[in-house]
Amino acid sequence: MTSPHFLGIEVSTQQVKVMIVDDNLHVLHKCSVLFDTELPEFGTKGGAHVHADGLTVTTPTGMWVKAVDLALAKMKSAGVSFDRIVAISGTGQQHGSVYWREGARVALRSLQPDRALHDQLKDSFSIPDSPIWMDSSTTAYCRRLEQALGGAEKLADVTGCCAQERLTGNQIAKIFHTMPEEYARTERISLVSSFAASLFLGDYAAIDYSDGSGMNLLDIWTRSWSPDCLQACAPGLEERIGLPVASYSALGAVSSYMVDRYGFSADCKVIAFTGDNPASLAGLRLDRGELVLSLGTSDTVFTWLDHPRPNADGVNVWVNPLDVDAFLGLLVWKNGSLAREKVRNACSGGSWDTFISQLQSTPPGNGGNMGFYFYEREITPSIVGVHRFDSQDEPVSSFSAETEVRALVEGQMLARAAHTTNLGGVLGTACLACLLGLVITLLVVTMLCWS
C-alpha cells in the first residue's frame, strides 16, 4: 500500500514555507518563497510596510496570495506527487487580519484552474493591506475595549489577556472607525491562518479556537465569541468572523481548483489552520511542566497550562490547539530576530560569523554595560527606543561593536528570563525552575545563526 503524504504550509512574516512529510514524519519535500527578494514588486522590508507614523504596520494581502501561487508552482516543477497528499494544514503569523470584500466568496468558489490565484483574487479584498502583529497603532481602541469590559483584569478574565495593540479585535475596531466604508463592504474577516486555509478550501475557512484566542474576542472558557467584546469592537462582527472550531477540525475537501490545477486528490482534506505559536506547541510535542524559548522574528516563551489564572501583566492565555480543555501560556517580544539582524548589520558587517566572534570576545556580564534594543514599540513591556547604560548605570549614546553585540544578546535573554516570572502566577515554581535554563541560552550562541 502506498504511504500517505501530508502537506503543511506557513504564511509567516517574511516568507511562505511548505513541507511535505510521510506518515513517519520523514520530510519528502520543502520549499519557501521569500517576500522581499522573490516578490520585490510589493516593496516590503522584512515582509511588511512600516508606515510614516512608525506605529502602523501592514502587509499587502495580494503578496501572500501570490506567494502561495509561487510555492505551489515550485512544488509542481519539482515533480511533487500532489495526488498522494491526503491532508493539508498550516499556520499563519498570529493576529494579522484579512478583509474579504462582498462577492469574494463567489470568487473563491468559482476559481478557474487555468489561472493563478492572485490573478483571480486581486479584487477580492476590501482592504488591500492587512494589519499584522507588528502594528502598535491601536492604543486608543485597546483602552476602549478594556473600559467596555470593566478594566484590563476583567478583559483578561474573559479573553485570556489584557487589550494589546496587535490583537485582532483592536485592529478591527480601528478599521471600523477609520475606514467605515471599507468595513461596510467587508463580508468576511479572516486571520492569516484561516485566510491561507481558505485558498485551499475554495471557501471561507473557520477560525480555530487557538488562533482565535489571540483576538481579544474569544471567551477562552466557553470557546465562543464574547458578545461584550464583539459589541465593543465593531457592529456586525460576529457574522463577519464566523463560528470558531477546534484546531484539529476537518473543514472539508480541497477545492476543485486545487484538484484540477495541481492534481490533488478530490478526497484530500483541509484541516483547520492555526497560529504559528500554537503550532509550535503542537509541533514540539510539549509536555506539561516544560517551557519553550523560541527565537524568531518575534521571540516567545510558551508552555502548556491546565489551570491558568489570566492576568493583565502581559501574559497571553489561549485555548490549547491539542486539547480544547487545556490552555497555552505565552509571552511575546516584537524585537526578536529583526533587532538581532539590525545590530549584526551595523556592527558585524552583516556576518553571523563575525557577530558570534564578537560575542565570544567579550566577557559574560559585558563589564557591567547593558543595552535594551526596541527598534519597534515592544509588547513586553510597552516601550520603544534604544537604551544603553555603562558600568556606572549611566546612560550612554553608543558602545564599541563588540560591546554592542553582547549588550544586545544579554539584554534580550535577561529580559526573557525576567518577564517570564510574570508567568509565575500561572505556573508557580515550574516557571521559576526554568529561569536558569533560559539564561543558559546565552551560551548557545550559534542558535542566533538561525534567527
Protein backbone atom coordinates (compact mmCIF):
# COMPACT_ATOMS: atom_id res chain seq x y z
CA MET A 1 0.00 0.00 0.00
CA THR A 2 1.29 3.47 -0.91
CA SER A 3 2.16 5.57 2.11
CA PRO A 4 0.08 8.75 2.51
CA HIS A 5 1.66 12.18 2.38
CA PHE A 6 0.75 15.32 4.32
CA LEU A 7 1.31 18.95 3.36
CA GLY A 8 1.97 21.76 5.81
CA ILE A 9 2.22 25.43 4.85
CA GLU A 10 3.09 28.52 6.85
CA VAL A 11 2.42 32.14 5.94
CA SER A 12 4.91 33.84 8.24
CA THR A 13 6.10 37.41 8.47
CA GLN A 14 8.93 37.14 5.97
CA GLN A 15 8.11 34.11 3.83
CA VAL A 16 5.79 31.29 2.87
CA LYS A 17 7.17 27.86 3.73
CA VAL A 18 5.85 24.49 2.57
CA MET A 19 6.77 20.99 3.71
CA ILE A 20 5.54 17.53 2.75
CA VAL A 21 6.02 14.56 5.10
CA ASP A 22 5.03 10.91 5.09
CA ASP A 23 3.20 9.06 7.85
CA ASN A 24 6.51 8.57 9.68
CA LEU A 25 7.16 12.32 9.57
CA HIS A 26 10.06 11.92 7.14
CA VAL A 27 10.48 15.15 5.18
CA LEU A 28 9.91 14.46 1.48
CA HIS A 29 9.93 17.97 0.08
CA LYS A 30 10.23 21.54 1.27
CA CYS A 31 10.40 24.94 -0.33
CA SER A 32 9.97 28.59 0.55
CA VAL A 33 9.15 31.94 -1.02
CA LEU A 34 10.91 34.97 0.48
CA PHE A 35 8.70 38.03 0.18
CA ASP A 36 11.34 40.76 -0.07
CA THR A 37 13.56 39.07 -2.66
CA GLU A 38 11.20 36.85 -4.67
CA LEU A 39 8.26 39.25 -4.78
CA PRO A 40 10.06 42.62 -4.92
CA GLU A 41 7.17 44.30 -6.73
CA PHE A 42 5.37 44.61 -3.38
CA GLY A 43 8.20 46.67 -1.87
CA THR A 44 8.22 45.05 1.56
CA LYS A 45 11.07 45.12 4.04
CA GLY A 46 11.11 42.19 6.39
CA GLY A 47 7.81 41.16 4.79
CA ALA A 48 5.96 44.32 5.82
CA HIS A 49 5.41 48.02 5.29
CA VAL A 50 6.08 50.29 8.27
CA HIS A 51 4.04 53.45 7.75
CA ALA A 52 5.17 57.03 8.30
CA ASP A 53 3.78 57.16 11.84
CA GLY A 54 6.14 54.37 12.86
CA LEU A 55 3.22 52.55 14.50
CA THR A 56 1.09 51.26 11.64
CA VAL A 57 2.48 48.08 10.05
CA THR A 58 0.77 46.25 7.20
CA THR A 59 1.43 43.63 4.53
CA PRO A 60 -0.12 43.54 1.04
CA THR A 61 -2.71 40.76 1.16
CA GLY A 62 -2.15 40.05 -2.52
CA MET A 63 1.51 39.27 -1.82
CA TRP A 64 0.50 36.37 0.40
CA VAL A 65 -1.75 35.02 -2.36
CA LYS A 66 0.98 35.33 -4.96
CA ALA A 67 3.49 33.66 -2.63
CA VAL A 68 1.19 30.65 -2.25
CA ASP A 69 0.91 30.53 -6.06
CA LEU A 70 4.68 30.58 -6.40
CA ALA A 71 5.23 27.94 -3.72
CA LEU A 72 2.77 25.56 -5.37
CA ALA A 73 4.36 26.24 -8.77
CA LYS A 74 7.80 25.41 -7.36
CA MET A 75 6.46 22.15 -5.99
CA LYS A 76 4.84 21.24 -9.29
CA SER A 77 8.09 21.96 -11.16
CA ALA A 78 9.94 19.75 -8.66
CA GLY A 79 7.67 16.83 -9.54
CA VAL A 80 5.73 16.64 -6.28
CA SER A 81 3.02 13.96 -6.38
CA PHE A 82 0.09 16.04 -5.16
CA ASP A 83 -2.28 13.10 -5.60
CA ARG A 84 -0.61 11.29 -2.67
CA ILE A 85 -1.35 14.11 -0.24
CA VAL A 86 -4.27 13.07 1.97
CA ALA A 87 -4.46 16.12 4.25
CA ILE A 88 -3.37 19.76 4.28
CA SER A 89 -2.96 22.03 7.27
CA GLY A 90 -0.88 25.03 8.14
CA THR A 91 -0.13 28.06 10.22
CA GLY A 92 -0.10 31.81 9.88
CA GLN A 93 1.56 34.68 11.68
CA GLN A 94 -0.82 35.48 14.50
CA HIS A 95 -3.17 38.45 14.83
CA GLY A 96 -2.96 39.63 11.21
CA SER A 97 -6.34 40.14 9.56
CA VAL A 98 -7.67 39.81 6.01
CA TYR A 99 -10.76 41.66 4.80
CA TRP A 100 -12.72 39.87 2.07
CA ARG A 101 -15.00 42.19 0.14
CA GLU A 102 -18.57 41.46 -0.87
CA GLY A 103 -18.59 38.81 -3.59
CA ALA A 104 -15.25 37.27 -2.58
CA ARG A 105 -16.88 34.01 -1.54
CA VAL A 106 -18.28 33.60 -5.04
CA ALA A 107 -14.80 34.22 -6.45
CA LEU A 108 -13.29 31.58 -4.14
CA ARG A 109 -15.91 29.03 -5.09
CA SER A 110 -15.53 29.60 -8.84
CA LEU A 111 -11.76 29.69 -9.31
CA GLN A 112 -10.65 28.65 -12.80
CA PRO A 113 -7.76 26.14 -12.91
CA ASP A 114 -6.07 27.76 -15.91
CA ARG A 115 -5.40 30.99 -14.00
CA ALA A 116 -3.30 31.78 -10.92
CA LEU A 117 -4.92 32.52 -7.58
CA HIS A 118 -3.54 36.06 -7.33
CA ASP A 119 -4.91 36.94 -10.76
CA GLN A 120 -8.43 35.79 -9.84
CA LEU A 121 -8.49 37.16 -6.28
CA LYS A 122 -6.78 40.53 -6.80
CA ASP A 123 -10.07 42.42 -6.44
CA SER A 124 -11.43 40.29 -3.57
CA PHE A 125 -10.17 42.37 -0.65
CA SER A 126 -11.97 45.43 0.68
CA ILE A 127 -8.74 46.49 2.39
CA PRO A 128 -5.68 45.58 0.28
CA ASP A 129 -3.13 45.95 3.09
CA SER A 130 -3.56 43.65 6.06
CA PRO A 131 -2.67 44.88 9.55
CA ILE A 132 -0.17 42.47 11.10
CA TRP A 133 1.16 41.59 14.54
CA MET A 134 3.88 44.27 14.39
CA ASP A 135 1.28 47.06 14.35
CA SER A 136 1.03 49.18 17.51
CA SER A 137 -1.33 51.92 16.33
CA THR A 138 -4.46 50.83 18.18
CA THR A 139 -3.80 52.02 21.74
CA ALA A 140 -6.98 54.12 21.88
CA TYR A 141 -9.08 51.12 20.83
CA CYS A 142 -7.39 48.93 23.44
CA ARG A 143 -8.42 51.35 26.17
CA ARG A 144 -11.98 51.47 24.81
CA LEU A 145 -12.22 47.68 24.89
CA GLU A 146 -10.89 47.45 28.43
CA GLN A 147 -13.30 50.16 29.57
CA ALA A 148 -16.23 48.36 27.94
CA LEU A 149 -15.35 45.14 29.79
CA GLY A 150 -14.79 46.83 33.14
CA GLY A 151 -10.99 47.09 33.09
CA ALA A 152 -7.89 45.23 31.95
CA GLU A 153 -8.22 42.46 34.52
CA LYS A 154 -11.86 41.83 33.61
CA LEU A 155 -10.96 41.62 29.95
CA ALA A 156 -8.12 39.21 30.74
CA ASP A 157 -10.52 37.08 32.79
CA VAL A 158 -12.63 36.58 29.66
CA THR A 159 -10.19 36.59 26.73
CA GLY A 160 -7.01 35.40 28.44
CA CYS A 161 -5.12 38.69 28.19
CA CYS A 162 -5.49 42.43 28.54
CA ALA A 163 -6.05 44.56 25.45
CA GLN A 164 -2.91 44.66 23.30
CA GLU A 165 -2.36 46.71 20.16
CA ARG A 166 -1.51 43.80 17.88
CA LEU A 167 -4.57 41.71 18.81
CA THR A 168 -7.09 41.47 16.03
CA GLY A 169 -10.21 42.80 17.76
CA ASN A 170 -8.47 46.12 18.33
CA GLN A 171 -7.26 46.18 14.74
CA ILE A 172 -10.82 45.58 13.53
CA ALA A 173 -12.08 48.39 15.78
CA LYS A 174 -9.58 50.76 14.17
CA ILE A 175 -10.68 49.69 10.68
CA PHE A 176 -14.34 50.24 11.57
CA HIS A 177 -13.73 53.73 12.94
CA THR A 178 -11.20 54.97 10.38
CA MET A 179 -12.40 53.14 7.24
CA PRO A 180 -16.15 52.73 7.75
CA GLU A 181 -16.97 52.37 4.05
CA GLU A 182 -14.41 49.62 3.58
CA TYR A 183 -15.67 47.85 6.70
CA ALA A 184 -19.24 48.04 5.39
CA ARG A 185 -18.10 46.39 2.13
CA THR A 186 -16.40 43.55 4.06
CA GLU A 187 -18.35 40.27 4.11
CA ARG A 188 -15.73 38.18 5.93
CA ILE A 189 -12.73 38.81 8.16
CA SER A 190 -10.10 36.07 8.38
CA LEU A 191 -6.97 35.63 10.40
CA VAL A 192 -3.85 34.94 8.33
CA SER A 193 -4.20 31.25 9.21
CA SER A 194 -7.85 30.92 8.18
CA PHE A 195 -7.18 33.07 5.10
CA ALA A 196 -4.48 30.63 3.96
CA ALA A 197 -6.79 27.68 4.62
CA SER A 198 -9.47 29.38 2.51
CA LEU A 199 -7.15 29.35 -0.52
CA PHE A 200 -7.03 25.54 -0.36
CA LEU A 201 -10.63 25.02 0.68
CA GLY A 202 -12.10 27.26 -2.02
CA ASP A 203 -14.42 28.79 0.57
CA TYR A 204 -14.17 30.75 3.78
CA ALA A 205 -12.34 28.65 6.37
CA ALA A 206 -13.30 28.85 10.05
CA ILE A 207 -11.02 30.47 12.61
CA ASP A 208 -9.72 27.90 15.08
CA TYR A 209 -10.04 28.26 18.86
CA SER A 210 -6.32 28.64 19.49
CA ASP A 211 -5.53 31.33 16.93
CA GLY A 212 -8.89 32.92 17.67
CA SER A 213 -7.80 33.30 21.30
CA GLY A 214 -5.31 35.92 20.14
CA MET A 215 -8.00 38.36 19.03
CA ASN A 216 -9.26 39.79 22.37
CA LEU A 217 -12.65 38.49 21.20
CA LEU A 218 -12.88 34.83 22.23
CA ASP A 219 -14.14 33.76 25.63
CA ILE A 220 -11.44 31.17 26.33
CA TRP A 221 -13.62 29.32 28.86
CA THR A 222 -16.67 28.79 26.63
CA ARG A 223 -14.68 28.80 23.36
CA SER A 224 -17.20 31.15 21.79
CA TRP A 225 -17.06 34.80 20.83
CA SER A 226 -17.70 37.17 23.73
CA PRO A 227 -20.79 39.29 22.94
CA ASP A 228 -19.41 42.17 25.03
CA CYS A 229 -16.10 42.16 23.17
CA LEU A 230 -17.76 41.93 19.78
CA GLN A 231 -20.04 44.84 20.57
CA ALA A 232 -17.16 46.94 21.87
CA CYS A 233 -15.10 46.46 18.70
CA ALA A 234 -17.47 46.81 15.75
CA PRO A 235 -21.09 46.22 14.71
CA GLY A 236 -21.96 43.13 12.70
CA LEU A 237 -18.72 41.50 13.68
CA GLU A 238 -19.94 38.03 14.62
CA GLU A 239 -21.30 37.28 11.15
CA ARG A 240 -18.09 38.59 9.61
CA ILE A 241 -15.77 36.27 11.55
CA GLY A 242 -17.95 33.14 11.62
CA LEU A 243 -18.12 30.39 14.23
CA PRO A 244 -14.77 29.17 15.62
CA VAL A 245 -13.78 25.49 15.59
CA ALA A 246 -11.29 23.19 17.31
CA SER A 247 -7.78 23.45 15.86
CA TYR A 248 -7.84 19.85 14.66
CA SER A 249 -11.20 20.10 12.84
CA ALA A 250 -11.55 18.80 9.28
CA LEU A 251 -13.02 21.71 7.31
CA GLY A 252 -13.79 19.80 4.13
CA ALA A 253 -12.19 18.53 0.95
CA VAL A 254 -9.64 20.51 -1.02
CA SER A 255 -11.18 22.72 -3.73
CA SER A 256 -11.76 21.57 -7.29
CA TYR A 257 -9.32 24.31 -8.33
CA MET A 258 -6.52 22.56 -6.44
CA VAL A 259 -7.57 19.20 -7.87
CA ASP A 260 -7.65 20.39 -11.47
CA ARG A 261 -4.63 22.75 -11.45
CA TYR A 262 -2.18 20.74 -9.32
CA GLY A 263 -3.54 17.20 -9.20
CA PHE A 264 -4.58 16.94 -5.56
CA SER A 265 -6.89 14.05 -4.82
CA ALA A 266 -10.54 15.08 -4.52
CA ASP A 267 -10.51 13.21 -1.19
CA CYS A 268 -7.69 15.30 0.28
CA LYS A 269 -8.88 17.00 3.48
CA VAL A 270 -8.18 20.54 4.65
CA ILE A 271 -7.65 20.61 8.42
CA ALA A 272 -8.12 23.89 10.29
CA PHE A 273 -5.03 26.09 10.16
CA THR A 274 -3.81 27.72 13.38
CA GLY A 275 -1.38 30.41 14.53
CA ASP A 276 2.37 29.97 14.46
CA ASN A 277 2.75 29.92 18.24
CA PRO A 278 0.05 27.29 18.90
CA ALA A 279 1.53 25.27 16.03
CA SER A 280 4.92 25.41 17.76
CA LEU A 281 3.43 23.89 20.90
CA ALA A 282 1.89 21.12 18.81
CA GLY A 283 4.97 20.52 16.67
CA LEU A 284 7.33 20.32 19.64
CA ARG A 285 5.00 17.84 21.39
CA LEU A 286 5.39 19.91 24.53
CA ASP A 287 4.79 18.11 27.81
CA ARG A 288 3.20 19.62 30.89
CA GLY A 289 5.77 21.47 33.00
CA GLU A 290 8.07 22.22 30.06
CA LEU A 291 8.82 25.78 28.96
CA VAL A 292 10.00 26.78 25.48
CA LEU A 293 12.01 29.82 24.40
CA SER A 294 11.62 30.44 20.67
CA LEU A 295 13.94 32.85 18.85
CA GLY A 296 12.29 34.15 15.69
CA THR A 297 11.03 37.31 14.04
CA SER A 298 9.32 37.72 17.37
CA ASP A 299 10.73 35.90 20.40
CA THR A 300 8.31 33.93 22.53
CA VAL A 301 8.18 31.91 25.72
CA PHE A 302 5.31 29.45 25.97
CA THR A 303 4.07 26.46 27.94
CA TRP A 304 1.14 24.05 28.34
CA LEU A 305 -1.33 25.05 31.08
CA ASP A 306 -4.16 23.11 32.68
CA HIS A 307 -5.34 25.58 35.30
CA PRO A 308 -4.46 29.09 34.14
CA ARG A 309 -5.07 32.30 36.04
CA PRO A 310 -5.08 35.04 33.40
CA ASN A 311 -3.81 38.46 34.42
CA ALA A 312 -3.13 41.86 32.90
CA ASP A 313 0.68 41.61 33.18
CA GLY A 314 1.33 40.80 29.53
CA VAL A 315 0.70 37.06 29.78
CA ASN A 316 -1.42 35.56 27.00
CA VAL A 317 -3.57 32.54 27.86
CA TRP A 318 -5.08 30.82 24.83
CA VAL A 319 -7.01 27.64 24.12
CA ASN A 320 -4.60 24.75 23.60
CA PRO A 321 -4.52 23.54 19.96
CA LEU A 322 -4.25 19.88 21.02
CA ASP A 323 -6.75 19.77 23.86
CA VAL A 324 -9.70 22.17 23.97
CA ASP A 325 -9.94 21.72 27.75
CA ALA A 326 -6.32 22.86 28.25
CA PHE A 327 -4.50 26.12 27.56
CA LEU A 328 -1.34 27.69 26.18
CA GLY A 329 0.52 30.37 28.18
CA LEU A 330 2.60 32.78 26.09
CA LEU A 331 4.82 35.85 26.32
CA VAL A 332 5.83 37.72 23.16
CA TRP A 333 8.64 40.16 22.30
CA LYS A 334 8.34 42.01 19.00
CA ASN A 335 12.04 42.93 18.78
CA GLY A 336 13.43 39.46 18.18
CA SER A 337 15.47 38.43 15.15
CA LEU A 338 14.88 41.75 13.38
CA ALA A 339 16.70 43.52 16.23
CA ARG A 340 19.49 40.94 16.15
CA GLU A 341 19.82 41.35 12.38
CA LYS A 342 19.90 45.15 12.71
CA VAL A 343 22.81 45.01 15.19
CA ARG A 344 24.54 42.33 13.09
CA ASN A 345 24.34 44.58 10.04
CA ALA A 346 25.54 47.67 11.93
CA CYS A 347 28.31 46.06 13.99
CA SER A 348 29.27 42.82 12.23
CA GLY A 349 29.21 43.70 8.55
CA GLY A 350 26.11 41.58 8.07
CA SER A 351 28.01 38.41 9.03
CA TRP A 352 26.75 35.99 11.68
CA ASP A 353 30.26 34.51 11.94
CA THR A 354 31.61 37.95 12.87
CA PHE A 355 28.70 38.51 15.23
CA ILE A 356 29.44 35.25 17.06
CA SER A 357 33.16 36.03 17.19
CA GLN A 358 32.46 39.46 18.68
CA LEU A 359 30.14 37.93 21.25
CA GLN A 360 32.74 35.38 22.27
CA SER A 361 35.41 38.08 22.58
CA THR A 362 33.61 39.84 25.41
CA PRO A 363 33.16 38.50 28.96
CA PRO A 364 29.80 37.43 30.42
CA GLY A 365 28.30 40.44 32.13
CA ASN A 366 29.81 42.73 29.47
CA GLY A 367 31.85 44.64 32.02
CA GLY A 368 28.66 45.99 33.52
CA ASN A 369 27.45 47.51 30.23
CA MET A 370 23.81 46.82 29.37
CA GLY A 371 21.56 47.66 26.47
CA PHE A 372 17.89 47.38 25.58
CA TYR A 373 17.05 47.49 21.87
CA PHE A 374 13.44 48.27 21.00
CA TYR A 375 13.51 49.38 17.36
CA GLU A 376 9.75 48.84 17.17
CA ARG A 377 7.41 49.53 20.06
CA GLU A 378 7.78 46.47 22.25
CA ILE A 379 4.95 44.31 23.54
CA THR A 380 6.59 43.14 26.77
CA PRO A 381 6.95 45.84 28.09
CA SER A 382 5.35 48.59 26.00
CA ILE A 383 8.40 50.74 25.24
CA VAL A 384 10.34 51.99 22.22
CA GLY A 385 13.91 53.14 21.63
CA VAL A 386 17.49 52.00 22.21
CA HIS A 387 18.71 52.44 25.77
CA ARG A 388 22.37 51.88 26.74
CA PHE A 389 23.90 52.03 30.21
CA ASP A 390 27.56 51.82 31.25
CA SER A 391 29.01 50.05 34.27
CA GLN A 392 28.02 53.00 36.47
CA ASP A 393 24.38 52.72 35.33
CA GLU A 394 24.76 55.97 33.43
CA PRO A 395 23.05 56.39 30.04
CA VAL A 396 25.46 56.43 27.08
CA SER A 397 24.88 57.03 23.38
CA SER A 398 27.00 54.22 21.96
CA PHE A 399 29.17 51.15 22.62
CA SER A 400 32.03 49.57 20.73
CA ALA A 401 30.88 46.99 18.19
CA GLU A 402 31.82 44.06 20.44
CA THR A 403 30.15 45.56 23.50
CA GLU A 404 27.03 46.37 21.46
CA VAL A 405 26.67 42.76 20.30
CA ARG A 406 26.91 41.33 23.81
CA ALA A 407 24.69 44.06 25.23
CA LEU A 408 22.01 43.11 22.73
CA VAL A 409 22.19 39.37 23.40
CA GLU A 410 22.44 39.63 27.18
CA GLY A 411 19.75 42.31 27.34
CA GLN A 412 17.37 40.20 25.28
CA MET A 413 17.96 36.97 27.18
CA LEU A 414 17.81 38.58 30.61
CA ALA A 415 14.57 40.29 29.61
CA ARG A 416 13.13 36.95 28.51
CA ALA A 417 14.07 35.44 31.85
CA ALA A 418 12.86 38.39 33.93
CA HIS A 419 9.49 38.76 32.25
CA THR A 420 8.91 35.02 32.36
CA THR A 421 8.39 35.49 36.09
CA ASN A 422 5.06 37.06 35.03
CA LEU A 423 4.05 33.51 34.24
CA GLY A 424 4.67 32.71 37.92
CA GLY A 425 1.04 33.47 38.78
CA VAL A 426 0.16 30.84 36.21
CA LEU A 427 2.98 28.35 36.55
CA GLY A 428 4.24 28.86 40.09
CA THR A 429 7.52 27.11 40.83
CA ALA A 430 7.57 25.34 37.45
CA CYS A 431 8.24 28.71 35.83
CA LEU A 432 10.94 29.74 38.28
CA ALA A 433 12.77 26.45 37.82
CA CYS A 434 13.18 27.24 34.14
CA LEU A 435 14.80 30.66 34.56
CA LEU A 436 18.31 29.28 34.82
CA GLY A 437 17.76 27.33 31.62
CA LEU A 438 16.65 30.46 29.82
CA VAL A 439 19.74 32.40 30.85
CA ILE A 440 21.96 29.49 29.82
CA THR A 441 20.75 30.08 26.26
CA LEU A 442 23.36 32.85 26.25
CA LEU A 443 25.93 30.08 25.85
CA VAL A 444 24.11 28.53 22.90
CA VAL A 445 25.09 31.45 20.70
CA THR A 446 25.07 29.50 17.45
CA MET A 447 21.28 29.39 17.66
CA LEU A 448 21.34 33.03 16.64
CA CYS A 449 22.54 31.97 13.20
CA TRP A 450 19.07 30.57 12.62
CA SER A 451 17.17 33.67 13.83
